[in-house]
């Protein structure tokens, strides 16, 4: 089903990995895409790939945990691309450590980027969605929301994202806005490579061990998440809201 008019999508953390794959898929589906990341220059590769494929994209540098930077970024997107009615809250960081070693700063940083960032971005973007009487919000959770050793901060943030998503769905549904969460399992990204380094394993060994626990017998790719986000941001997904979809190659919840 074709969209009634071109939509504008915002993807946070879009410079690489899952975010870049989502941004490219959103563009392939006919949307203008704002690629937001902490460093605007880091977004250039994603933007260039979209433009070379014939799409429209904009690189925007912003700290999603900073309210003023978020307001400025979303206003810029609206001015340069058009009113954003699709938002994918993908920005994230890890500061892994065991509880007794974890600092307050590591806790605050992870909760700030993931949860505060999703809150600030959603609050800024919902204005345009409610005016349009149409919107799609997709939040990136994780299988770590179910608990993961050495990630008490990340697990708490990703579990919080699920409650946040369900509440958005309740509050915004009457405006034609859906909100859903994707909880990826093991996906080959820079972040999982960093986790392998933290636990002292080569990435090949780390990936092989993870794959043994995945029913479909392979690690996930960023495109697997982008494909799920494509459905959740489509016209056809209008009766799906408040859901958490585990994209993990098999049951997780």
Foldseek 3Di string as FASTA:
>chain_A
DQDPDAAEEEFEPLLDFLNLLLQLLSQVSPHEYEYEYQDQVSNVVSQVVSVVVPGHYHGAHAQLLDLVRLLVRQVVCCVPPNQHQEYELDDADADFAAPVPDDPVRLCVGLSRQPSSLVSNCVNRVVSLLVVLAHEYEYEAALCCVPDGRGPSNVVSRVVVLVVFLVCQVVCLRSRYAGEYEHEYFEDTVRVCVVCVVVPHHVVVVQQVLQVVAVVRHGHYSNLVSVVSVCRGDPVNSVDHSYYHYHYNDDSD
